[in-house]
Amino acid sequence: MTDVLLQSAILRVLARWGALPETDLVRWIPPVQAAIYGPGVLQDMVDAGLVTVRNVGDERVVKLTDQGRAQAGASQTL
């Protein structure tokens, strides 16, 4: 189970940029959340339909889905 604050931070960053290489994404999330970022985080979010992940060259690119955009918007209004 992914930490809700970490997931929210990732969604907020992707709501701004749409898609980012994973290394850039980790740089944009707050240091507290970046410290707990691990390999299962994106898989949990893919399984929930919030993001897609694809390999481009030697990077994994994370892209926000429509469902993820809707959840990012909902979390910002709280």
N, C-alpha and C. Protein backbone atom coordinates (compact mmCIF):
# COMPACT_ATOMS: atom_id res chain seq x y z
N MET A 1 0.85 -1.19 0.00
CA MET A 1 0.00 0.00 0.00
C MET A 1 0.89 1.25 0.00
N THR A 2 0.62 2.12 -0.94
CA THR A 2 1.40 3.34 -1.08
C THR A 2 0.93 4.40 -0.09
N ASP A 3 1.85 5.13 0.46
CA ASP A 3 1.55 6.24 1.35
C ASP A 3 0.70 7.27 0.60
N VAL A 4 -0.40 7.67 1.19
CA VAL A 4 -1.35 8.59 0.55
C VAL A 4 -0.69 9.94 0.25
N LEU A 5 0.13 10.44 1.15
CA LEU A 5 0.79 11.72 0.92
C LEU A 5 1.77 11.64 -0.25
N LEU A 6 2.47 10.53 -0.36
CA LEU A 6 3.40 10.34 -1.46
C LEU A 6 2.63 10.27 -2.78
N GLN A 7 1.55 9.51 -2.80
CA GLN A 7 0.74 9.40 -4.01
C GLN A 7 0.18 10.77 -4.41
N SER A 8 -0.30 11.53 -3.44
CA SER A 8 -0.82 12.87 -3.72
C SER A 8 0.26 13.78 -4.27
N ALA A 9 1.46 13.70 -3.73
CA ALA A 9 2.57 14.53 -4.21
C ALA A 9 2.90 14.19 -5.66
N ILE A 10 2.93 12.90 -5.98
CA ILE A 10 3.21 12.48 -7.35
C ILE A 10 2.12 12.98 -8.29
N LEU A 11 0.87 12.85 -7.88
CA LEU A 11 -0.24 13.31 -8.72
C LEU A 11 -0.20 14.82 -8.95
N ARG A 12 0.17 15.57 -7.91
CA ARG A 12 0.25 17.04 -8.07
C ARG A 12 1.33 17.42 -9.07
N VAL A 13 2.48 16.76 -9.00
CA VAL A 13 3.57 17.05 -9.94
C VAL A 13 3.14 16.70 -11.36
N LEU A 14 2.55 15.53 -11.53
CA LEU A 14 2.13 15.11 -12.87
C LEU A 14 0.97 15.94 -13.39
N ALA A 15 0.13 16.48 -12.50
CA ALA A 15 -0.96 17.36 -12.95
C ALA A 15 -0.39 18.61 -13.60
N ARG A 16 0.75 19.02 -13.14
CA ARG A 16 1.40 20.22 -13.71
C ARG A 16 2.10 19.90 -15.03
N TRP A 17 2.82 18.76 -15.08
CA TRP A 17 3.67 18.45 -16.22
C TRP A 17 3.07 17.44 -17.19
N GLY A 18 2.11 16.63 -16.74
CA GLY A 18 1.50 15.62 -17.61
C GLY A 18 2.29 14.32 -17.64
N ALA A 19 3.55 14.40 -18.00
CA ALA A 19 4.42 13.22 -18.05
C ALA A 19 5.85 13.66 -17.76
N LEU A 20 6.57 12.80 -17.05
CA LEU A 20 7.97 13.09 -16.70
C LEU A 20 8.76 11.79 -16.63
N PRO A 21 10.05 11.86 -16.94
CA PRO A 21 10.90 10.71 -16.62
C PRO A 21 10.89 10.50 -15.10
N GLU A 22 10.99 9.27 -14.69
CA GLU A 22 10.91 8.94 -13.27
C GLU A 22 11.95 9.71 -12.44
N THR A 23 13.16 9.87 -12.97
CA THR A 23 14.19 10.59 -12.21
C THR A 23 13.80 12.04 -11.96
N ASP A 24 13.18 12.68 -12.96
CA ASP A 24 12.72 14.07 -12.78
C ASP A 24 11.55 14.13 -11.81
N LEU A 25 10.65 13.17 -11.91
CA LEU A 25 9.50 13.12 -11.01
C LEU A 25 9.96 13.07 -9.56
N VAL A 26 10.92 12.22 -9.26
CA VAL A 26 11.41 12.09 -7.88
C VAL A 26 12.04 13.40 -7.42
N ARG A 27 12.69 14.12 -8.31
CA ARG A 27 13.29 15.42 -7.94
C ARG A 27 12.23 16.47 -7.61
N TRP A 28 11.05 16.38 -8.24
CA TRP A 28 10.00 17.37 -8.05
C TRP A 28 9.13 17.14 -6.82
N ILE A 29 9.11 15.91 -6.29
CA ILE A 29 8.29 15.69 -5.10
C ILE A 29 9.05 16.17 -3.87
N PRO A 30 8.33 16.55 -2.81
CA PRO A 30 9.00 17.05 -1.61
C PRO A 30 9.98 16.03 -1.04
N PRO A 31 11.07 16.50 -0.44
CA PRO A 31 12.10 15.60 0.10
C PRO A 31 11.57 14.54 1.06
N VAL A 32 10.59 14.89 1.88
CA VAL A 32 10.04 13.92 2.83
C VAL A 32 9.41 12.74 2.09
N GLN A 33 8.66 13.04 1.01
CA GLN A 33 8.05 11.98 0.22
C GLN A 33 9.10 11.26 -0.64
N ALA A 34 10.07 11.99 -1.15
CA ALA A 34 11.13 11.37 -1.96
C ALA A 34 11.90 10.34 -1.14
N ALA A 35 12.04 10.58 0.15
CA ALA A 35 12.78 9.67 1.01
C ALA A 35 12.08 8.31 1.15
N ILE A 36 10.76 8.28 1.00
CA ILE A 36 10.04 7.01 1.13
C ILE A 36 9.65 6.42 -0.22
N TYR A 37 10.05 7.08 -1.30
CA TYR A 37 9.75 6.59 -2.64
C TYR A 37 10.48 5.27 -2.87
N GLY A 38 9.76 4.29 -3.37
CA GLY A 38 10.36 2.99 -3.64
C GLY A 38 9.81 2.39 -4.92
N PRO A 39 10.32 1.23 -5.32
CA PRO A 39 9.95 0.64 -6.60
C PRO A 39 8.47 0.26 -6.72
N GLY A 40 7.80 0.00 -5.61
CA GLY A 40 6.40 -0.41 -5.68
C GLY A 40 5.41 0.72 -5.81
N VAL A 41 5.86 1.94 -5.60
CA VAL A 41 4.95 3.09 -5.60
C VAL A 41 4.25 3.25 -6.95
N LEU A 42 5.02 3.30 -8.01
CA LEU A 42 4.42 3.50 -9.33
C LEU A 42 3.56 2.30 -9.72
N GLN A 43 3.97 1.10 -9.34
CA GLN A 43 3.16 -0.08 -9.69
C GLN A 43 1.81 0.00 -9.01
N ASP A 44 1.76 0.43 -7.76
CA ASP A 44 0.48 0.62 -7.06
C ASP A 44 -0.39 1.63 -7.81
N MET A 45 0.24 2.70 -8.29
CA MET A 45 -0.51 3.74 -8.99
C MET A 45 -0.96 3.27 -10.37
N VAL A 46 -0.15 2.46 -11.04
CA VAL A 46 -0.56 1.86 -12.32
C VAL A 46 -1.75 0.93 -12.08
N ASP A 47 -1.66 0.09 -11.06
CA ASP A 47 -2.74 -0.84 -10.74
C ASP A 47 -4.05 -0.12 -10.43
N ALA A 48 -3.94 1.08 -9.84
CA ALA A 48 -5.12 1.88 -9.51
C ALA A 48 -5.62 2.69 -10.70
N GLY A 49 -4.88 2.67 -11.81
CA GLY A 49 -5.30 3.40 -13.00
C GLY A 49 -4.98 4.88 -12.98
N LEU A 50 -4.08 5.30 -12.09
CA LEU A 50 -3.76 6.72 -11.93
C LEU A 50 -2.67 7.20 -12.88
N VAL A 51 -1.75 6.31 -13.23
CA VAL A 51 -0.63 6.66 -14.12
C VAL A 51 -0.34 5.48 -15.05
N THR A 52 0.38 5.79 -16.11
CA THR A 52 0.97 4.75 -16.95
C THR A 52 2.48 4.93 -16.89
N VAL A 53 3.20 3.83 -17.10
CA VAL A 53 4.65 3.87 -17.09
C VAL A 53 5.13 3.13 -18.33
N ARG A 54 6.02 3.77 -19.08
CA ARG A 54 6.59 3.09 -20.24
C ARG A 54 8.07 3.42 -20.31
N ASN A 55 8.81 2.49 -20.88
CA ASN A 55 10.25 2.69 -21.05
C ASN A 55 10.51 3.44 -22.34
N VAL A 56 11.29 4.51 -22.22
CA VAL A 56 11.73 5.29 -23.38
C VAL A 56 13.25 5.36 -23.27
N GLY A 57 13.93 4.64 -24.13
CA GLY A 57 15.38 4.56 -24.02
C GLY A 57 15.73 3.89 -22.71
N ASP A 58 16.55 4.56 -21.90
CA ASP A 58 16.93 3.98 -20.62
C ASP A 58 16.15 4.58 -19.44
N GLU A 59 15.09 5.32 -19.74
CA GLU A 59 14.29 5.97 -18.69
C GLU A 59 12.88 5.39 -18.65
N ARG A 60 12.31 5.37 -17.46
CA ARG A 60 10.87 5.08 -17.33
C ARG A 60 10.15 6.42 -17.31
N VAL A 61 9.16 6.56 -18.19
CA VAL A 61 8.39 7.80 -18.26
C VAL A 61 7.03 7.55 -17.63
N VAL A 62 6.66 8.41 -16.70
CA VAL A 62 5.41 8.30 -15.96
C VAL A 62 4.44 9.34 -16.52
N LYS A 63 3.24 8.88 -16.88
CA LYS A 63 2.25 9.77 -17.47
C LYS A 63 0.95 9.67 -16.68
N LEU A 64 0.34 10.81 -16.44
CA LEU A 64 -0.91 10.89 -15.70
C LEU A 64 -2.06 10.43 -16.59
N THR A 65 -2.96 9.62 -16.06
CA THR A 65 -4.16 9.21 -16.78
C THR A 65 -5.28 10.19 -16.46
N ASP A 66 -6.40 10.06 -17.17
CA ASP A 66 -7.55 10.92 -16.87
C ASP A 66 -8.04 10.69 -15.43
N GLN A 67 -8.03 9.43 -15.01
CA GLN A 67 -8.44 9.11 -13.64
C GLN A 67 -7.47 9.75 -12.63
N GLY A 68 -6.19 9.72 -12.94
CA GLY A 68 -5.21 10.34 -12.07
C GLY A 68 -5.37 11.84 -12.01
N ARG A 69 -5.68 12.45 -13.16
CA ARG A 69 -5.91 13.90 -13.21
C ARG A 69 -7.12 14.27 -12.35
N ALA A 70 -8.18 13.46 -12.44
CA ALA A 70 -9.38 13.72 -11.63
C ALA A 70 -9.07 13.60 -10.14
N GLN A 71 -8.29 12.60 -9.77
CA GLN A 71 -7.93 12.43 -8.36
C GLN A 71 -7.00 13.55 -7.91
N ALA A 72 -6.10 14.00 -8.76
CA ALA A 72 -5.20 15.11 -8.40
C ALA A 72 -6.01 16.37 -8.14
N GLY A 73 -7.01 16.62 -8.97
CA GLY A 73 -7.87 17.79 -8.79
C GLY A 73 -8.67 17.69 -7.51
N ALA A 74 -9.15 16.49 -7.19
CA ALA A 74 -9.94 16.29 -5.97
C ALA A 74 -9.08 16.49 -4.74
N SER A 75 -7.83 16.04 -4.78
CA SER A 75 -6.97 16.17 -3.60
C SER A 75 -6.53 17.61 -3.37
N GLN A 76 -6.52 18.42 -4.43
CA GLN A 76 -6.12 19.82 -4.27
C GLN A 76 -7.23 20.67 -3.67
N THR A 77 -8.48 20.20 -3.77
CA THR A 77 -9.59 20.98 -3.23
C THR A 77 -9.85 20.69 -1.77
N LEU A 78 -9.16 19.68 -1.21
CA LEU A 78 -9.36 19.34 0.21
C LEU A 78 -8.63 20.29 1.11
